PDB file of N, CA and C in Angstrom:
ATOM      1  N   MET A   1      21.989 -22.514 -19.216  1.00  0.00           N
ATOM      2  CA  MET A   1      21.902 -21.576 -18.773  1.00  0.00           C
ATOM      3  C   MET A   1      22.039 -22.220 -17.001  1.00  0.00           C
ATOM      4  N   LYS A   2      22.502 -21.920 -16.492  1.00  0.00           N
ATOM      5  CA  LYS A   2      22.488 -22.270 -14.766  1.00  0.00           C
ATOM      6  C   LYS A   2      21.420 -22.163 -14.204  1.00  0.00           C
ATOM      7  N   LYS A   3      21.085 -22.545 -13.159  1.00  0.00           N
ATOM      8  CA  LYS A   3      19.786 -22.222 -12.089  1.00  0.00           C
ATOM      9  C   LYS A   3      20.410 -21.367 -11.073  1.00  0.00           C
ATOM     10  N   ASP A   4      19.714 -20.303 -10.499  1.00  0.00           N
ATOM     11  CA  ASP A   4      19.893 -19.646  -9.518  1.00  0.00           C
ATOM     12  C   ASP A   4      21.434 -19.166  -9.084  1.00  0.00           C
ATOM     13  N   ILE A   5      21.696 -18.647 -10.052  1.00  0.00           N
ATOM     14  CA  ILE A   5      22.592 -17.757  -9.926  1.00  0.00           C
ATOM     15  C   ILE A   5      22.232 -16.014 -10.392  1.00  0.00           C
ATOM     16  N   HIS A   6      21.006 -15.928 -11.212  1.00  0.00           N
ATOM     17  CA  HIS A   6      20.499 -14.617 -11.324  1.00  0.00           C
ATOM     18  C   HIS A   6      20.095 -14.159  -9.940  1.00  0.00           C
ATOM     19  N   PRO A   7      20.080 -12.426  -9.588  1.00  0.00           N
ATOM     20  CA  PRO A   7      19.166 -12.013  -8.716  1.00  0.00           C
ATOM     21  C   PRO A   7      18.069 -12.091  -8.382  1.00  0.00           C
ATOM     22  N   GLU A   8      17.298 -12.280  -7.195  1.00  0.00           N
ATOM     23  CA  GLU A   8      16.032 -12.618  -7.191  1.00  0.00           C
ATOM     24  C   GLU A   8      15.004 -11.737  -7.840  1.00  0.00           C
ATOM     25  N   ASN A   9      15.968  -9.857  -7.588  1.00  0.00           N
ATOM     26  CA  ASN A   9      15.135  -9.027  -7.545  1.00  0.00           C
ATOM     27  C   ASN A   9      15.276  -8.441  -9.076  1.00  0.00           C
ATOM     28  N   TYR A  10      15.487  -8.449  -9.586  1.00  0.00           N
ATOM     29  CA  TYR A  10      15.544  -8.301 -11.266  1.00  0.00           C
ATOM     30  C   TYR A  10      14.247  -7.604 -11.947  1.00  0.00           C
ATOM     31  N   ARG A  11      14.176  -6.613 -11.928  1.00  0.00           N
ATOM     32  CA  ARG A  11      13.008  -6.482 -11.990  1.00  0.00           C
ATOM     33  C   ARG A  11      12.656  -4.623 -13.067  1.00  0.00           C
ATOM     34  N   LYS A  12      11.542  -4.457 -13.740  1.00  0.00           N
ATOM     35  CA  LYS A  12      11.951  -2.787 -14.108  1.00  0.00           C
ATOM     36  C   LYS A  12      11.566  -2.039 -13.028  1.00  0.00           C
ATOM     37  N   VAL A  13      12.609  -0.959 -13.474  1.00  0.00           N
ATOM     38  CA  VAL A  13      12.672   0.390 -12.329  1.00  0.00           C
ATOM     39  C   VAL A  13      13.210   1.490 -12.929  1.00  0.00           C
ATOM     40  N   LEU A  14      11.689   2.384 -12.613  1.00  0.00           N
ATOM     41  CA  LEU A  14      11.970   3.604 -13.318  1.00  0.00           C
ATOM     42  C   LEU A  14      13.233   4.540 -12.345  1.00  0.00           C
ATOM     43  N   PHE A  15      14.138   4.911 -13.089  1.00  0.00           N
ATOM     44  CA  PHE A  15      14.797   5.975 -12.829  1.00  0.00           C
ATOM     45  C   PHE A  15      14.493   7.285 -13.560  1.00  0.00           C
ATOM     46  N   VAL A  16      14.266   8.457 -12.415  1.00  0.00           N
ATOM     47  CA  VAL A  16      14.550   9.790 -12.892  1.00  0.00           C
ATOM     48  C   VAL A  16      15.577  10.722 -12.583  1.00  0.00           C
ATOM     49  N   ASP A  17      15.749  11.332 -13.386  1.00  0.00           N
ATOM     50  CA  ASP A  17      16.658  12.351 -13.361  1.00  0.00           C
ATOM     51  C   ASP A  17      16.193  13.611 -12.494  1.00  0.00           C
ATOM     52  N   ASN A  18      16.874  13.803 -11.019  1.00  0.00           N
ATOM     53  CA  ASN A  18      16.253  14.831 -10.233  1.00  0.00           C
ATOM     54  C   ASN A  18      16.392  16.047 -10.760  1.00  0.00           C
ATOM     55  N   SER A  19      17.480  16.326 -11.646  1.00  0.00           N
ATOM     56  CA  SER A  19      17.405  17.810 -11.971  1.00  0.00           C
ATOM     57  C   SER A  19      16.584  18.278 -13.337  1.00  0.00           C
ATOM     58  N   ASN A  20      15.794  17.113 -13.848  1.00  0.00           N
ATOM     59  CA  ASN A  20      14.969  17.581 -15.023  1.00  0.00           C
ATOM     60  C   ASN A  20      13.641  16.716 -15.046  1.00  0.00           C
ATOM     61  N   GLY A  21      13.599  15.960 -14.439  1.00  0.00           N
ATOM     62  CA  GLY A  21      12.358  14.921 -14.272  1.00  0.00           C
ATOM     63  C   GLY A  21      12.356  13.759 -15.298  1.00  0.00           C
ATOM     64  N   GLU A  22      13.551  14.178 -16.182  1.00  0.00           N
ATOM     65  CA  GLU A  22      13.398  12.501 -17.117  1.00  0.00           C
ATOM     66  C   GLU A  22      13.073  10.960 -16.799  1.00  0.00           C
ATOM     67  N   GLU A  23      12.638  10.770 -17.268  1.00  0.00           N
ATOM     68  CA  GLU A  23      12.178   9.291 -16.683  1.00  0.00           C
ATOM     69  C   GLU A  23      13.253   8.066 -17.819  1.00  0.00           C
ATOM     70  N   PHE A  24      13.784   7.134 -16.695  1.00  0.00           N
ATOM     71  CA  PHE A  24      13.663   5.708 -18.058  1.00  0.00           C
ATOM     72  C   PHE A  24      13.400   4.592 -17.305  1.00  0.00           C
ATOM     73  N   LEU A  25      12.739   3.629 -18.209  1.00  0.00           N
ATOM     74  CA  LEU A  25      12.697   2.652 -17.502  1.00  0.00           C
ATOM     75  C   LEU A  25      13.210   1.547 -17.854  1.00  0.00           C
ATOM     76  N   ILE A  26      14.282   1.117 -17.097  1.00  0.00           N
ATOM     77  CA  ILE A  26      15.411  -0.057 -17.292  1.00  0.00           C
ATOM     78  C   ILE A  26      15.169  -1.012 -15.973  1.00  0.00           C
ATOM     79  N   SER A  27      15.858  -2.496 -16.759  1.00  0.00           N
ATOM     80  CA  SER A  27      15.593  -3.336 -15.755  1.00  0.00           C
ATOM     81  C   SER A  27      17.056  -3.218 -15.185  1.00  0.00           C
ATOM     82  N   SER A  28      16.452  -3.635 -13.440  1.00  0.00           N
ATOM     83  CA  SER A  28      17.811  -3.606 -12.889  1.00  0.00           C
ATOM     84  C   SER A  28      17.485  -4.160 -11.619  1.00  0.00           C
ATOM     85  N   CYS A  29      18.302  -4.607 -10.558  1.00  0.00           N
ATOM     86  CA  CYS A  29      18.398  -5.034  -9.241  1.00  0.00           C
ATOM     87  C   CYS A  29      18.516  -3.847  -8.321  1.00  0.00           C
ATOM     88  N   VAL A  30      18.592  -2.537  -8.621  1.00  0.00           N
ATOM     89  CA  VAL A  30      18.935  -1.766  -7.881  1.00  0.00           C
ATOM     90  C   VAL A  30      17.809  -1.223  -6.160  1.00  0.00           C
ATOM     91  N   ALA A  31      18.442  -1.248  -5.041  1.00  0.00           N
ATOM     92  CA  ALA A  31      17.512  -1.500  -4.044  1.00  0.00           C
ATOM     93  C   ALA A  31      16.709  -0.271  -3.539  1.00  0.00           C
ATOM     94  N   THR A  32      15.227  -0.094  -3.790  1.00  0.00           N
ATOM     95  CA  THR A  32      14.456   1.341  -3.926  1.00  0.00           C
ATOM     96  C   THR A  32      13.382   1.321  -2.543  1.00  0.00           C
ATOM     97  N   LYS A  33      13.111   2.266  -2.319  1.00  0.00           N
ATOM     98  CA  LYS A  33      12.291   2.274  -1.457  1.00  0.00           C
ATOM     99  C   LYS A  33      10.734   3.191  -1.490  1.00  0.00           C
ATOM    100  N   GLU A  34      11.081   3.721  -2.887  1.00  0.00           N
ATOM    101  CA  GLU A  34       9.637   4.548  -3.466  1.00  0.00           C
ATOM    102  C   GLU A  34       9.281   3.502  -4.579  1.00  0.00           C
ATOM    103  N   THR A  35       8.019   4.489  -4.818  1.00  0.00           N
ATOM    104  CA  THR A  35       7.276   3.590  -6.062  1.00  0.00           C
ATOM    105  C   THR A  35       6.682   5.150  -6.611  1.00  0.00           C
ATOM    106  N   ALA A  36       6.848   4.795  -8.720  1.00  0.00           N
ATOM    107  CA  ALA A  36       6.169   5.915  -8.813  1.00  0.00           C
ATOM    108  C   ALA A  36       5.333   5.900 -10.442  1.00  0.00           C
ATOM    109  N   LYS A  37       4.249   6.154 -10.977  1.00  0.00           N
ATOM    110  CA  LYS A  37       3.938   5.775 -12.320  1.00  0.00           C
ATOM    111  C   LYS A  37       4.716   6.842 -13.295  1.00  0.00           C
ATOM    112  N   ALA A  38       5.169   5.606 -13.905  1.00  0.00           N
ATOM    113  CA  ALA A  38       5.757   5.956 -15.230  1.00  0.00           C
ATOM    114  C   ALA A  38       4.921   7.289 -15.916  1.00  0.00           C
ATOM    115  N   LYS A  39       5.489   8.235 -16.747  1.00  0.00           N
ATOM    116  CA  LYS A  39       4.624   9.250 -17.820  1.00  0.00           C
ATOM    117  C   LYS A  39       4.818   8.397 -19.114  1.00  0.00           C
ATOM    118  N   ILE A  40       5.541   7.173 -19.071  1.00  0.00           N
ATOM    119  CA  ILE A  40       5.951   6.222 -20.299  1.00  0.00           C
ATOM    120  C   ILE A  40       4.345   5.517 -20.553  1.00  0.00           C
ATOM    121  N   ASP A  41       3.952   4.792 -19.683  1.00  0.00           N
ATOM    122  CA  ASP A  41       2.803   3.871 -19.760  1.00  0.00           C
ATOM    123  C   ASP A  41       1.874   4.184 -19.043  1.00  0.00           C
ATOM    124  N   GLY A  42       2.052   4.975 -18.041  1.00  0.00           N
ATOM    125  CA  GLY A  42       1.196   4.770 -16.787  1.00  0.00           C
ATOM    126  C   GLY A  42       0.996   3.587 -15.492  1.00  0.00           C
ATOM    127  N   LYS A  43       2.116   3.183 -15.603  1.00  0.00           N
ATOM    128  CA  LYS A  43       2.559   1.960 -14.919  1.00  0.00           C
ATOM    129  C   LYS A  43       3.072   2.376 -13.219  1.00  0.00           C
ATOM    130  N   GLU A  44       2.743   1.667 -12.593  1.00  0.00           N
ATOM    131  CA  GLU A  44       3.627   1.669 -10.973  1.00  0.00           C
ATOM    132  C   GLU A  44       4.374   0.557 -11.087  1.00  0.00           C
ATOM    133  N   TYR A  45       6.133   1.430 -10.725  1.00  0.00           N
ATOM    134  CA  TYR A  45       7.230   0.892 -10.515  1.00  0.00           C
ATOM    135  C   TYR A  45       7.997   1.280  -9.653  1.00  0.00           C
ATOM    136  N   PRO A  46       8.741   0.439  -9.429  1.00  0.00           N
ATOM    137  CA  PRO A  46       9.972   0.793  -8.227  1.00  0.00           C
ATOM    138  C   PRO A  46      10.721   2.073  -8.484  1.00  0.00           C
ATOM    139  N   MET A  47      10.893   3.074  -7.839  1.00  0.00           N
ATOM    140  CA  MET A  47      11.278   4.838  -8.433  1.00  0.00           C
ATOM    141  C   MET A  47      13.212   4.614  -7.756  1.00  0.00           C
ATOM    142  N   PHE A  48      13.443   5.079  -8.792  1.00  0.00           N
ATOM    143  CA  PHE A  48      15.372   5.306  -8.311  1.00  0.00           C
ATOM    144  C   PHE A  48      15.477   6.508  -8.713  1.00  0.00           C
ATOM    145  N   GLY A  49      15.851   7.476  -7.445  1.00  0.00           N
ATOM    146  CA  GLY A  49      16.273   9.044  -8.602  1.00  0.00           C
ATOM    147  C   GLY A  49      17.942   8.959  -8.330  1.00  0.00           C
ATOM    148  N   VAL A  50      18.149   9.703  -9.646  1.00  0.00           N
ATOM    149  CA  VAL A  50      19.596   9.715 -10.045  1.00  0.00           C
ATOM    150  C   VAL A  50      19.947  11.105 -10.043  1.00  0.00           C
ATOM    151  N   GLU A  51      20.658  11.867  -9.629  1.00  0.00           N
ATOM    152  CA  GLU A  51      21.723  13.318  -9.863  1.00  0.00           C
ATOM    153  C   GLU A  51      21.491  13.626 -11.173  1.00  0.00           C
ATOM    154  N   ILE A  52      21.851  12.765 -12.001  1.00  0.00           N
ATOM    155  CA  ILE A  52      22.701  12.992 -13.300  1.00  0.00           C
ATOM    156  C   ILE A  52      22.495  11.952 -14.304  1.00  0.00           C
ATOM    157  N   SER A  53      22.339  12.469 -15.358  1.00  0.00           N
ATOM    158  CA  SER A  53      21.782  11.228 -16.298  1.00  0.00           C
ATOM    159  C   SER A  53      21.832  11.770 -18.044  1.00  0.00           C
ATOM    160  N   SER A  54      22.116  11.224 -18.755  1.00  0.00           N
ATOM    161  CA  SER A  54      22.435  11.289 -20.343  1.00  0.00           C
ATOM    162  C   SER A  54      21.308  12.684 -20.916  1.00  0.00           C
ATOM    163  N   SER A  55      20.188  12.233 -20.468  1.00  0.00           N
ATOM    164  CA  SER A  55      19.409  13.596 -20.505  1.00  0.00           C
ATOM    165  C   SER A  55      19.479  15.332 -19.984  1.00  0.00           C
ATOM    166  N   SER A  56      20.569  15.023 -19.240  1.00  0.00           N
ATOM    167  CA  SER A  56      20.916  16.690 -18.536  1.00  0.00           C
ATOM    168  C   SER A  56      22.106  16.248 -17.948  1.00  0.00           C
ATOM    169  N   HIS A  57      23.222  15.621 -18.949  1.00  0.00           N
ATOM    170  CA  HIS A  57      24.499  15.747 -18.370  1.00  0.00           C
ATOM    171  C   HIS A  57      25.131  16.247 -19.609  1.00  0.00           C
ATOM    172  N   PRO A  58      26.233  17.216 -19.744  1.00  0.00           N
ATOM    173  CA  PRO A  58      26.504  18.016 -20.628  1.00  0.00           C
ATOM    174  C   PRO A  58      27.167  18.003 -21.206  1.00  0.00           C
ATOM    175  N   PHE A  59      28.258  16.829 -21.266  1.00  0.00           N
ATOM    176  CA  PHE A  59      28.613  15.962 -22.484  1.00  0.00           C
ATOM    177  C   PHE A  59      27.708  15.780 -23.709  1.00  0.00           C
ATOM    178  N   TYR A  60      26.335  15.398 -23.300  1.00  0.00           N
ATOM    179  CA  TYR A  60      25.502  14.672 -24.209  1.00  0.00           C
ATOM    180  C   TYR A  60      24.308  15.792 -24.532  1.00  0.00           C
ATOM    181  N   THR A  61      24.163  16.633 -23.989  1.00  0.00           N
ATOM    182  CA  THR A  61      23.419  17.870 -24.146  1.00  0.00           C
ATOM    183  C   THR A  61      23.742  19.131 -24.995  1.00  0.00           C
ATOM    184  N   GLY A  62      25.350  18.992 -24.379  1.00  0.00           N
ATOM    185  CA  GLY A  62      26.229  20.056 -25.311  1.00  0.00           C
ATOM    186  C   GLY A  62      26.027  21.480 -24.884  1.00  0.00           C
ATOM    187  N   ASN A  63      25.403  21.690 -23.710  1.00  0.00           N
ATOM    188  CA  ASN A  63      25.565  23.070 -22.709  1.00  0.00           C
ATOM    189  C   ASN A  63      26.921  22.762 -21.698  1.00  0.00           C
ATOM    190  N   GLU A  64      27.609  22.815 -22.255  1.00  0.00           N
ATOM    191  CA  GLU A  64      29.192  23.017 -20.882  1.00  0.00           C
ATOM    192  C   GLU A  64      28.945  24.554 -20.593  1.00  0.00           C
ATOM    193  N   LYS A  65      29.527  24.081 -19.336  1.00  0.00           N
ATOM    194  CA  LYS A  65      29.380  25.899 -18.751  1.00  0.00           C
ATOM    195  C   LYS A  65      31.608  25.499 -19.037  1.00  0.00           C
ATOM    196  N   SER A  66      31.334  26.659 -19.094  1.00  0.00           N
ATOM    197  CA  SER A  66      32.972  27.417 -19.084  1.00  0.00           C
ATOM    198  C   SER A  66      33.354  27.938 -18.102  1.00  0.00           C
ATOM    199  N   LEU A  67      34.438  27.054 -17.253  1.00  0.00           N
ATOM    200  CA  LEU A  67      35.317  27.835 -16.036  1.00  0.00           C
ATOM    201  C   LEU A  67      35.851  28.980 -16.345  1.00  0.00           C
ATOM    202  N   ASP A  68      35.696  29.684 -15.925  1.00  0.00           N
ATOM    203  CA  ASP A  68      36.465  30.939 -15.605  1.00  0.00           C
ATOM    204  C   ASP A  68      37.795  30.711 -14.853  1.00  0.00           C
ATOM    205  N   THR A  69      39.332  30.037 -15.762  1.00  0.00           N
ATOM    206  CA  THR A  69      40.267  30.021 -15.146  1.00  0.00           C
ATOM    207  C   THR A  69      41.423  30.979 -15.388  1.00  0.00           C
ATOM    208  N   ALA A  70      40.552  31.876 -16.437  1.00  0.00           N
ATOM    209  CA  ALA A  70      41.819  33.118 -15.874  1.00  0.00           C
ATOM    210  C   ALA A  70      41.615  33.811 -14.554  1.00  0.00           C
ATOM    211  N   GLY A  71      40.699  33.940 -14.756  1.00  0.00           N
ATOM    212  CA  GLY A  71      40.145  34.576 -13.386  1.00  0.00           C
ATOM    213  C   GLY A  71      40.604  33.992 -11.822  1.00  0.00           C
ATOM    214  N   ARG A  72      40.879  32.889 -12.218  1.00  0.00           N
ATOM    215  CA  ARG A  72      40.564  31.998 -10.656  1.00  0.00           C
ATOM    216  C   ARG A  72      42.565  31.901 -10.833  1.00  0.00           C
ATOM    217  N   ALA A  73      42.876  31.874 -11.957  1.00  0.00           N
ATOM    218  CA  ALA A  73      44.182  32.090 -11.559  1.00  0.00           C
ATOM    219  C   ALA A  73      45.305  33.260 -11.588  1.00  0.00           C
ATOM    220  N   GLU A  74      44.645  34.855 -11.674  1.00  0.00           N
ATOM    221  CA  GLU A  74      44.732  35.638 -11.421  1.00  0.00           C
ATOM    222  C   GLU A  74      43.576  36.146  -9.423  1.00  0.00           C
ATOM    223  N   LYS A  75      43.138  35.326  -9.327  1.00  0.00           N
ATOM    224  CA  LYS A  75      42.901  35.617  -7.700  1.00  0.00           C
ATOM    225  C   LYS A  75      43.832  34.837  -7.067  1.00  0.00           C
ATOM    226  N   PHE A  76      44.072  33.488  -7.134  1.00  0.00           N
ATOM    227  CA  PHE A  76      45.117  32.933  -6.802  1.00  0.00           C
ATOM    228  C   PHE A  76      46.491  33.999  -6.720  1.00  0.00           C
ATOM    229  N   ARG A  77      46.842  34.350  -7.300  1.00  0.00           N
ATOM    230  CA  ARG A  77      47.927  35.147  -7.626  1.00  0.00           C
ATOM    231  C   ARG A  77      48.436  36.888  -7.171  1.00  0.00           C
ATOM    232  N   ALA A  78      46.796  37.448  -6.799  1.00  0.00           N
ATOM    233  CA  ALA A  78      46.847  38.041  -5.994  1.00  0.00           C
ATOM    234  C   ALA A  78      47.033  38.119  -4.601  1.00  0.00           C
ATOM    235  N   ARG A  79      46.160  36.652  -4.065  1.00  0.00           N
ATOM    236  CA  ARG A  79      46.701  36.801  -3.022  1.00  0.00           C
ATOM    237  C   ARG A  79      48.029  36.256  -2.899  1.00  0.00           C
ATOM    238  N   VAL A  80      48.595  34.954  -3.620  1.00  0.00           N
ATOM    239  CA  VAL A  80      49.650  35.401  -3.406  1.00  0.00           C
ATOM    240  C   VAL A  80      50.678  36.316  -2.867  1.00  0.00           C
ATOM    241  N   ALA A  81      50.196  37.493  -3.581  1.00  0.00           N
ATOM    242  CA  ALA A  81      50.793  38.678  -3.632  1.00  0.00           C
ATOM    243  C   ALA A  81      50.838  39.392  -2.319  1.00  0.00           C
ATOM    244  N   LYS A  82      49.778  39.454  -2.012  1.00  0.00           N
ATOM    245  CA  LYS A  82      49.063  40.213  -0.618  1.00  0.00           C
ATOM    246  C   LYS A  82      49.797  39.236   0.212  1.00  0.00           C
ATOM    247  N   ALA A  83      49.643  38.243   0.543  1.00  0.00           N
ATOM    248  CA  ALA A  83      50.076  37.339   1.678  1.00  0.00           C
ATOM    249  C   ALA A  83      52.118  37.418   1.472  1.00  0.00           C
ATOM    250  N   LYS A  84      52.887  38.130   0.047  1.00  0.00           N
ATOM    251  CA  LYS A  84      54.057  37.911  -0.161  1.00  0.00           C
ATOM    252  C   LYS A  84      54.320  39.487   0.979  1.00  0.00           C
ATOM    253  N   ALA A  85      53.450  40.131   0.253  1.00  0.00           N
ATOM    254  CA  ALA A  85      53.531  41.697   1.194  1.00  0.00           C
ATOM    255  C   ALA A  85      53.159  42.206   2.537  1.00  0.00           C
ATOM    256  N   THR A  86      52.597  41.125   2.974  1.00  0.00           N
ATOM    257  CA  THR A  86      52.268  41.327   5.064  1.00  0.00           C
ATOM    258  C   THR A  86      53.598  40.692   5.015  1.00  0.00           C
ATOM    259  N   LYS A  87      53.809  39.596   4.689  1.00  0.00           N
ATOM    260  CA  LYS A  87      55.310  38.917   5.022  1.00  0.00           C
ATOM    261  C   LYS A  87      56.093  39.465   5.302  1.00  0.00           C
ATOM    262  N   LYS A  88      56.737  40.561   4.399  1.00  0.00           N
ATOM    263  CA  LYS A  88      57.680  41.347   4.163  1.00  0.00           C
ATOM    264  C   LYS A  88      57.255  42.517   5.153  1.00  0.00           C
ATOM    265  N   ALA A  89      56.096  43.032   5.598  1.00  0.00           N
ATOM    266  CA  ALA A  89      56.093  44.215   6.120  1.00  0.00           C
ATOM    267  C   ALA A  89      55.340  44.069   7.413  1.00  0.00           C
TER     268      ALA A  89
END
């Protein structure tokens, strides 16, 4: 293996899902400013917050939100009809 090609700051980082508080301990070289104690082993690690992870993403949890596409289309058609009516008047 070649020497001096790997990053210097490769270490264990605690990734915390901001939406549900789930923690993941992963090796990474992401820049962090905060530290936190892991629930997993109680040790202090650099912490990085993420907005969404596999524990909160609808694809993985099965809790998909259905969009009201018919309602949105009807609202759009109503706006277009109103705009045409005011343009003719």
